[in-house]
Each structure stands twice: as structure tokens, then as C-alpha cells.
Amino acid sequence: MSNDDVVQALAEADFSDVADRFANAGFQVNLPAKGILQITSGTPAVKRLRLLLSVGVHGDETAPIEMLAHLLQELAAVPHALQVDLMVVVGNLAAIAQGRRYLDADLNRLFTTERGDLQITAEAERADAIMRATAAFFDAEEGEKWHFDLHTAIRKSFYPTFAIVPDVIADHAKLSLAAWLGGAGIEAIILNSKLAPTYSAYTATQFGATSCTAELGQIGTLGKNDLSQFALTSAAIDTMLRSGGTLAFRKAIPHVFHVAQEIVKRCDDFRLNFDRSTQNFTQMEPGTLIATDGEARYCVGSVTEYVVFPNPDVRIGQRAGLMVVRRVH
């Protein structure tokens, strides 16, 4: 298959070639729903790392789809090199096909049973299918469980690669994850105690997975992303797949932030106090007005804060941005 064919196959959730190669090599292969692939050793006595890699939870975030497509294809050429039990999820298939972020609702806000009127959306049905498969994969065995939910950001960023880490993860696991992420070229991590119903928060809280949402550059067109920007991340994931270990790929320490406040949109009259060119991790000084929400005002607190994921276009009741502060060690 050509490089373009490999990428298109994953974007369309066509796992046939990869699945056949691993099945023929003696692995247990399961396709619990369209766009979901599970490859396990089939020997329960062997406690292997359980690794979940998800892409396309937002349909317009294409670079991780390309990166994972090439990783899977290269690994399938030598299937016995796989040293983890692996689950791959291609998230919002309908949105990927249309090049849209989502169709009816943001899939990455639906990994919960409390959805209100969003329960009737196509994305809610997709979230249910993903959650069922995830539960089966992570509940099946004891042992170490890791999850990388791979995204790209809408805006440019002072740190082009960064990750959101649920703060509920055990301290020792957070240290291991931070070391791995730094070694994988992730420049900054945000420890988030204000958990939204995202996929990585779901796997962390429900299954004790060492998980994160990793942002790899900006939104781009499928097949036209510059994957050289994420060569370190790709190499680190490949090493984990082939080694079965979670040691850092190289020694590098990411910048560490934690969430100071969450900006939640409460009404239609919500306005950010800066334009759409403002980058992630833009610095804001104490007292600066961040946003107005009707008569309510969001302002920077007593120390310098940095804005991440500012998005005034979210639904009412959803997060319109995070304000983070540097962590003091």
C-alpha cells in the first residue's frame, strides 16, 4: 500500500490488512466496533502493558491519524515485534469523513453517562461504543494501563506540543508519564484537577489508566501534515510498542503547569477579551480581564496565568478555556 493508501485506510477505519497480519501471526484480534481494533497476546498468564492509542476524536485533527497509520503499518510488517496488548480507536468517523470537528456534538465531552439533551446525538452513540470497548480492554486484566489520546490544537501555541494530564492519576504514575512525555518531545504538561468528560479523563478515573490528551501541533488537512514535527513522539510510541516498557525515550523535562481556573460559558452573551489570533499559553498578568459572560467577569488572579484552549464557540455549559499557572517545584 502507498503512504496515501495507508493513511486513508485508517481514516476510514479499514483495519483489514493490519488485522489479518496480526491474526496470521497468532495474536488474538478483535474488532468490537467500526474504527476500534484490539490486538492481544492471547496468553493471559503473560502480563503485558495494555496500551490504548486514540485518534480522530475530533474529526478535523488529522496529524495523529497519519502518524498512527504509519506506525501500525510498519509494525504489522513484523507483527511479533509488538510487545504490548494494544487497542486503537479512530474516534469520530463521520466527522473525519467530512473534515469537520464534529457533526452534532463534541465527542470529547461525552465520555460520561450525564449528557442531558446531547444523549440523542450520533456522537453519544459513538461514545457509548468506544466506552464499552474500552471497558472490555482495560477490565480484562490487571497490570499497567496507559492511554494516549492524540489531538491537534485549533490555535497556534507557544508550546507546539503539550499534554493535559488528569490530576487523579497516582503520583508515581504521573511522574512516569511526565518523564515519558518530556522524552517524547512534549514541551509542556498541564495537570488538570478540573476534569471534563473527556476520553483521557474517563480512562484515568474509571480504570486507573496513566492517561493524557496530547496536542500535536495545529489542525491540518489529512495527508498533508508535516509529520517531521512529531518525529520524537512517533519514535517514542514506536519504542513503547516494541519494548513493552514505559521508560522515557530520552531525558527531557517538560514545563509543568496546573489549572488555576476553568472558563465556562454560561450564556449566549459570552465574549473573550482577546481575538482569535491569541496563542495557547499566552501570558496574562494579574487582574487582566479574560472574558465577560453576561454580567459575569473572568479575570486573572493574583499571579500570572496563561490561557489555553480559548474557544468562544462551545455550547453553553461547556468549557471555553483554561487558565493555567506554572507549577512551583
Protein backbone atom coordinates (compact mmCIF):
# COMPACT_ATOMS: atom_id res chain seq x y z
CA MET A 1 0.00 0.00 0.00
CA SER A 2 1.19 3.55 -0.73
CA ASN A 3 1.59 6.06 2.08
CA ASP A 4 -1.62 7.79 0.99
CA ASP A 5 -3.50 4.48 0.97
CA VAL A 6 -2.25 3.61 4.46
CA VAL A 7 -3.47 6.93 5.85
CA GLN A 8 -6.81 6.74 4.05
CA ALA A 9 -7.40 3.20 5.29
CA LEU A 10 -7.04 4.26 8.93
CA ALA A 11 -9.15 7.39 8.41
CA GLU A 12 -11.89 5.14 7.02
CA ALA A 13 -11.44 2.60 9.83
CA ASP A 14 -10.27 -0.10 7.43
CA PHE A 15 -8.16 -2.36 9.63
CA SER A 16 -8.35 -5.37 7.31
CA ASP A 17 -4.68 -5.53 6.31
CA VAL A 18 -3.31 -4.84 9.79
CA ALA A 19 -5.80 -7.17 11.49
CA ASP A 20 -5.01 -10.03 9.09
CA ARG A 21 -1.26 -9.69 9.60
CA PHE A 22 -1.51 -9.89 13.39
CA ALA A 23 -4.11 -12.66 13.33
CA ASN A 24 -1.93 -14.72 10.98
CA ALA A 25 0.98 -14.22 13.40
CA GLY A 26 -1.02 -15.83 16.22
CA PHE A 27 -2.34 -12.76 18.03
CA GLN A 28 -5.90 -12.52 19.27
CA VAL A 29 -7.54 -9.81 17.17
CA ASN A 30 -10.90 -8.25 17.98
CA LEU A 31 -12.91 -5.57 16.16
CA PRO A 32 -15.63 -4.72 18.71
CA ALA A 33 -17.00 -1.80 16.65
CA LYS A 34 -16.12 0.04 13.47
CA GLY A 35 -12.91 2.00 13.96
CA ILE A 36 -11.82 0.02 17.02
CA LEU A 37 -9.06 -2.61 16.89
CA GLN A 38 -7.78 -4.73 19.77
CA ILE A 39 -4.66 -6.89 19.46
CA THR A 40 -3.71 -9.06 22.43
CA SER A 41 -1.19 -11.83 23.01
CA GLY A 42 -3.87 -14.40 23.76
CA THR A 43 -1.84 -15.72 26.71
CA PRO A 44 -3.49 -14.45 29.92
CA ALA A 45 -0.59 -15.67 32.06
CA VAL A 46 1.67 -13.08 30.41
CA LYS A 47 1.09 -9.65 31.99
CA ARG A 48 1.79 -7.19 29.21
CA LEU A 49 1.33 -3.44 29.25
CA ARG A 50 -2.14 -2.53 27.98
CA LEU A 51 -1.79 0.48 25.68
CA LEU A 52 -4.69 2.43 24.20
CA LEU A 53 -3.98 4.84 21.33
CA SER A 54 -6.87 7.02 20.17
CA VAL A 55 -7.01 9.49 17.28
CA GLY A 56 -9.72 11.40 15.46
CA VAL A 57 -11.90 12.08 18.49
CA HIS A 58 -12.20 15.45 16.75
CA GLY A 59 -12.66 14.81 13.05
CA ASP A 60 -10.54 17.71 11.79
CA GLU A 61 -7.46 16.77 13.84
CA THR A 62 -5.65 14.73 11.24
CA ALA A 63 -1.91 14.66 12.02
CA PRO A 64 -2.23 11.92 14.67
CA ILE A 65 -4.25 9.80 12.22
CA GLU A 66 -1.38 9.98 9.74
CA MET A 67 1.25 9.30 12.38
CA LEU A 68 -0.57 6.27 13.80
CA ALA A 69 -1.32 4.88 10.33
CA HIS A 70 2.39 4.73 9.52
CA LEU A 71 3.28 3.27 12.94
CA LEU A 72 0.71 0.48 12.57
CA GLN A 73 1.72 -0.34 9.03
CA GLU A 74 5.41 -0.61 9.94
CA LEU A 75 4.62 -2.75 12.98
CA ALA A 76 2.30 -5.03 11.02
CA ALA A 77 5.23 -5.88 8.73
CA VAL A 78 6.93 -7.52 11.74
CA PRO A 79 3.95 -8.41 13.97
CA HIS A 80 5.95 -10.32 16.59
CA ALA A 81 7.76 -7.07 17.41
CA LEU A 82 4.59 -5.96 19.23
CA GLN A 83 5.25 -6.29 22.97
CA VAL A 84 2.08 -4.71 24.37
CA ASP A 85 -1.60 -5.54 24.29
CA LEU A 86 -2.86 -2.78 22.01
CA MET A 87 -6.17 -1.06 21.42
CA VAL A 88 -6.56 1.51 18.63
CA VAL A 89 -9.57 3.83 18.43
CA VAL A 90 -10.42 6.06 15.48
CA GLY A 91 -12.96 8.32 17.12
CA ASN A 92 -15.50 10.37 15.20
CA LEU A 93 -15.57 8.55 11.88
CA ALA A 94 -18.44 10.55 10.38
CA ALA A 95 -16.74 13.85 11.22
CA ILE A 96 -13.40 12.64 9.82
CA ALA A 97 -15.12 11.76 6.54
CA GLN A 98 -16.50 15.31 6.29
CA GLY A 99 -13.39 17.07 7.57
CA ARG A 100 -15.38 18.57 10.44
CA ARG A 101 -14.64 18.77 14.16
CA TYR A 102 -17.95 17.07 14.95
CA LEU A 103 -21.43 16.75 13.46
CA ASP A 104 -23.91 17.20 16.31
CA ALA A 105 -21.83 17.44 19.48
CA ASP A 106 -18.22 17.40 20.68
CA LEU A 107 -17.39 13.72 21.14
CA ASN A 108 -14.70 14.61 23.67
CA ARG A 109 -17.35 15.95 26.06
CA LEU A 110 -19.48 12.81 26.01
CA PHE A 111 -17.43 10.24 27.95
CA THR A 112 -19.96 10.29 30.74
CA THR A 113 -23.45 8.98 31.46
CA GLU A 114 -24.73 12.50 32.22
CA ARG A 115 -25.32 14.04 28.78
CA GLY A 116 -28.66 15.81 29.07
CA ASP A 117 -30.14 16.65 25.66
CA LEU A 118 -26.92 15.53 23.93
CA GLN A 119 -27.90 11.90 24.59
CA ILE A 120 -29.78 11.82 21.28
CA THR A 121 -26.76 12.83 19.17
CA ALA A 122 -24.81 10.50 16.90
CA GLU A 123 -21.68 11.30 18.91
CA ALA A 124 -23.32 9.99 22.10
CA GLU A 125 -23.92 6.65 20.41
CA ARG A 126 -20.30 6.61 19.24
CA ALA A 127 -19.06 7.45 22.75
CA ASP A 128 -21.08 4.52 24.12
CA ALA A 129 -19.46 2.12 21.64
CA ILE A 130 -15.99 3.40 22.49
CA MET A 131 -16.66 3.20 26.24
CA ARG A 132 -17.89 -0.38 26.01
CA ALA A 133 -14.82 -1.47 24.07
CA THR A 134 -12.52 0.42 26.43
CA ALA A 135 -14.09 -1.19 29.48
CA ALA A 136 -13.63 -4.65 27.98
CA PHE A 137 -9.99 -3.91 27.13
CA PHE A 138 -8.96 -2.36 30.45
CA ASP A 139 -11.11 -4.57 32.69
CA ALA A 140 -9.81 -7.79 31.17
CA GLU A 141 -6.50 -7.93 33.01
CA GLU A 142 -4.69 -6.47 35.99
CA GLY A 143 -1.46 -4.67 35.37
CA GLU A 144 -0.27 -1.41 33.91
CA LYS A 145 -2.64 0.53 31.64
CA TRP A 146 -1.66 3.57 29.55
CA HIS A 147 -3.71 5.76 27.24
CA PHE A 148 -2.59 8.45 24.80
CA ASP A 149 -5.48 10.38 23.26
CA LEU A 150 -3.77 12.16 20.36
CA HIS A 151 -5.12 15.52 19.17
CA THR A 152 -4.09 18.73 17.44
CA ALA A 153 -4.96 22.21 18.68
CA ILE A 154 -7.17 24.78 16.93
CA ARG A 155 -4.80 27.67 17.71
CA LYS A 156 -1.08 28.13 17.45
CA SER A 157 0.80 27.60 20.68
CA PHE A 158 3.94 28.88 22.34
CA TYR A 159 4.49 25.17 23.06
CA PRO A 160 3.53 23.42 19.79
CA THR A 161 3.31 20.07 21.59
CA PHE A 162 1.72 19.81 25.02
CA ALA A 163 -0.43 17.44 27.05
CA ILE A 164 -3.30 17.59 29.52
CA VAL A 165 -2.81 15.10 32.37
CA PRO A 166 -5.71 14.24 34.73
CA ASP A 167 -4.51 15.02 38.24
CA VAL A 168 -6.38 11.99 39.61
CA ILE A 169 -3.60 9.74 38.33
CA ALA A 170 -1.47 8.29 41.14
CA ASP A 171 1.63 10.35 41.92
CA HIS A 172 4.14 7.70 40.86
CA ALA A 173 2.31 7.20 37.58
CA LYS A 174 2.25 10.96 36.94
CA LEU A 175 6.00 11.12 37.41
CA SER A 176 6.49 8.25 34.94
CA LEU A 177 4.12 9.87 32.46
CA ALA A 178 5.78 13.29 32.75
CA ALA A 179 9.19 11.72 32.11
CA TRP A 180 7.86 9.78 29.14
CA LEU A 181 6.11 12.82 27.66
CA GLY A 182 9.19 15.01 28.02
CA GLY A 183 11.29 12.37 26.34
CA ALA A 184 8.72 12.11 23.57
CA GLY A 185 9.12 15.76 22.63
CA ILE A 186 6.10 17.07 24.55
CA GLU A 187 7.22 20.50 25.69
CA ALA A 188 4.63 21.27 28.38
CA ILE A 189 2.13 19.39 30.53
CA ILE A 190 -0.92 20.71 32.34
CA LEU A 191 -2.05 18.90 35.48
CA ASN A 192 -5.82 19.23 35.50
CA SER A 193 -7.89 18.63 38.61
CA LYS A 194 -10.96 20.17 36.93
CA LEU A 195 -11.95 17.10 34.95
CA ALA A 196 -14.15 17.47 31.88
CA PRO A 197 -15.87 14.37 30.45
CA THR A 198 -13.01 13.73 28.02
CA TYR A 199 -11.76 10.34 26.85
CA SER A 200 -8.46 10.55 28.76
CA ALA A 201 -10.22 11.66 31.96
CA TYR A 202 -12.62 8.74 31.57
CA THR A 203 -9.85 6.13 31.32
CA ALA A 204 -7.97 7.70 34.24
CA THR A 205 -10.94 7.85 36.60
CA GLN A 206 -12.71 4.63 35.63
CA PHE A 207 -9.77 2.29 35.08
CA GLY A 208 -6.78 3.91 36.80
CA ALA A 209 -5.05 4.34 33.46
CA THR A 210 -1.98 6.52 33.12
CA SER A 211 -3.54 8.76 30.51
CA CYS A 212 -3.32 12.13 28.81
CA THR A 213 -4.66 14.22 25.98
CA ALA A 214 -1.65 15.08 23.82
CA GLU A 215 -1.79 18.05 21.46
CA LEU A 216 0.48 17.69 18.43
CA GLY A 217 0.62 20.98 16.56
CA GLN A 218 -2.34 22.50 14.73
CA ILE A 219 -5.30 21.25 12.73
CA GLY A 220 -4.32 20.33 9.16
CA THR A 221 -5.58 18.57 6.04
CA LEU A 222 -5.44 14.78 6.01
CA GLY A 223 -2.42 13.60 4.03
CA LYS A 224 -0.72 17.00 4.06
CA ASN A 225 0.58 17.27 7.62
CA ASP A 226 4.27 17.77 8.33
CA LEU A 227 4.90 14.70 10.47
CA SER A 228 8.55 15.65 10.97
CA GLN A 229 7.30 17.99 13.70
CA PHE A 230 6.27 14.93 15.73
CA ALA A 231 9.11 12.57 14.88
CA LEU A 232 10.16 12.29 18.53
CA THR A 233 6.62 11.48 19.66
CA SER A 234 6.26 8.87 16.92
CA ALA A 235 9.62 7.29 17.80
CA ALA A 236 8.74 7.18 21.49
CA ILE A 237 5.40 5.46 20.83
CA ASP A 238 7.09 3.01 18.47
CA THR A 239 9.65 2.18 21.16
CA MET A 240 6.88 1.55 23.69
CA LEU A 241 5.05 -0.74 21.25
CA ARG A 242 8.19 -2.76 20.56
CA SER A 243 9.69 -2.81 24.07
CA GLY A 244 6.59 -3.19 26.19
CA GLY A 245 8.06 -0.69 28.65
CA THR A 246 7.26 2.83 29.78
CA LEU A 247 10.74 4.20 30.32
CA ALA A 248 11.39 7.64 28.87
CA PHE A 249 12.60 7.58 25.27
CA ARG A 250 15.23 10.19 26.18
CA LYS A 251 15.86 12.51 29.11
CA ALA A 252 13.99 15.80 28.81
CA ILE A 253 11.88 17.67 31.34
CA PRO A 254 8.66 19.35 30.16
CA HIS A 255 7.39 22.63 31.55
CA VAL A 256 4.71 21.87 34.15
CA PHE A 257 1.54 23.91 34.70
CA HIS A 258 -1.61 23.37 36.72
CA VAL A 259 -5.11 24.69 36.16
CA ALA A 260 -5.92 27.86 38.09
CA GLN A 261 -9.42 28.38 36.74
CA GLU A 262 -11.79 26.99 34.17
CA ILE A 263 -13.67 29.42 31.93
CA VAL A 264 -17.19 28.06 31.46
CA LYS A 265 -19.63 29.63 29.01
CA ARG A 266 -22.90 30.26 30.86
CA CYS A 267 -24.89 32.33 28.35
CA ASP A 268 -25.03 33.41 24.69
CA ASP A 269 -23.56 36.79 25.60
CA PHE A 270 -20.09 35.30 26.18
CA ARG A 271 -17.09 37.27 24.92
CA LEU A 272 -13.36 36.62 25.20
CA ASN A 273 -11.33 39.77 25.81
CA PHE A 274 -8.85 38.93 23.05
CA ASP A 275 -9.05 37.92 19.40
CA ARG A 276 -8.77 34.58 17.64
CA SER A 277 -5.07 35.07 16.89
CA THR A 278 -4.20 34.71 20.60
CA GLN A 279 -1.99 31.64 21.00
CA ASN A 280 -2.20 28.91 23.59
CA PHE A 281 -0.01 29.72 26.61
CA THR A 282 -0.28 33.47 26.04
CA GLN A 283 0.78 35.14 29.27
CA MET A 284 -1.71 37.36 31.14
CA GLU A 285 -0.87 39.50 34.13
CA PRO A 286 -2.79 39.62 37.44
CA GLY A 287 -6.12 41.43 37.20
CA THR A 288 -6.38 41.18 33.39
CA LEU A 289 -9.94 40.72 32.09
CA ILE A 290 -10.18 37.32 30.38
CA ALA A 291 -13.84 37.16 29.37
CA THR A 292 -17.31 38.52 30.05
CA ASP A 293 -20.28 36.19 30.34
CA GLY A 294 -23.37 38.37 30.53
CA GLU A 295 -22.81 40.36 33.70
CA ALA A 296 -20.15 37.95 34.99
CA ARG A 297 -16.45 38.66 34.50
CA TYR A 298 -13.50 36.30 34.43
CA CYS A 299 -10.20 37.90 35.47
CA VAL A 300 -6.65 36.68 36.07
CA GLY A 301 -5.97 36.05 39.76
CA SER A 302 -3.09 37.22 41.94
CA VAL A 303 -0.33 35.59 39.88
CA THR A 304 0.47 35.41 36.16
CA GLU A 305 -1.78 32.99 34.26
CA TYR A 306 -1.57 31.53 30.75
CA VAL A 307 -4.59 30.91 28.53
CA VAL A 308 -5.09 27.50 26.90
CA PHE A 309 -7.88 26.30 24.56
CA PRO A 310 -9.79 29.60 24.36
CA ASN A 311 -12.89 28.86 22.30
CA PRO A 312 -15.98 31.10 22.49
CA ASP A 313 -17.91 28.83 20.11
CA VAL A 314 -18.58 25.98 22.56
CA ARG A 315 -22.08 25.15 23.75
CA ILE A 316 -23.48 26.84 26.84
CA GLY A 317 -22.32 24.96 29.92
CA GLN A 318 -19.09 23.78 28.34
CA ARG A 319 -15.52 24.88 28.92
CA ALA A 320 -14.47 27.89 26.84
CA GLY A 321 -10.87 27.89 28.02
CA LEU A 322 -8.40 27.05 30.76
CA MET A 323 -6.20 29.43 32.71
CA VAL A 324 -3.03 27.76 33.95
CA VAL A 325 -0.09 28.76 36.14
CA ARG A 326 3.44 27.49 36.23
CA ARG A 327 3.97 24.87 38.88
CA VAL A 328 6.46 25.80 41.58
CA HIS A 329 8.59 22.78 42.49
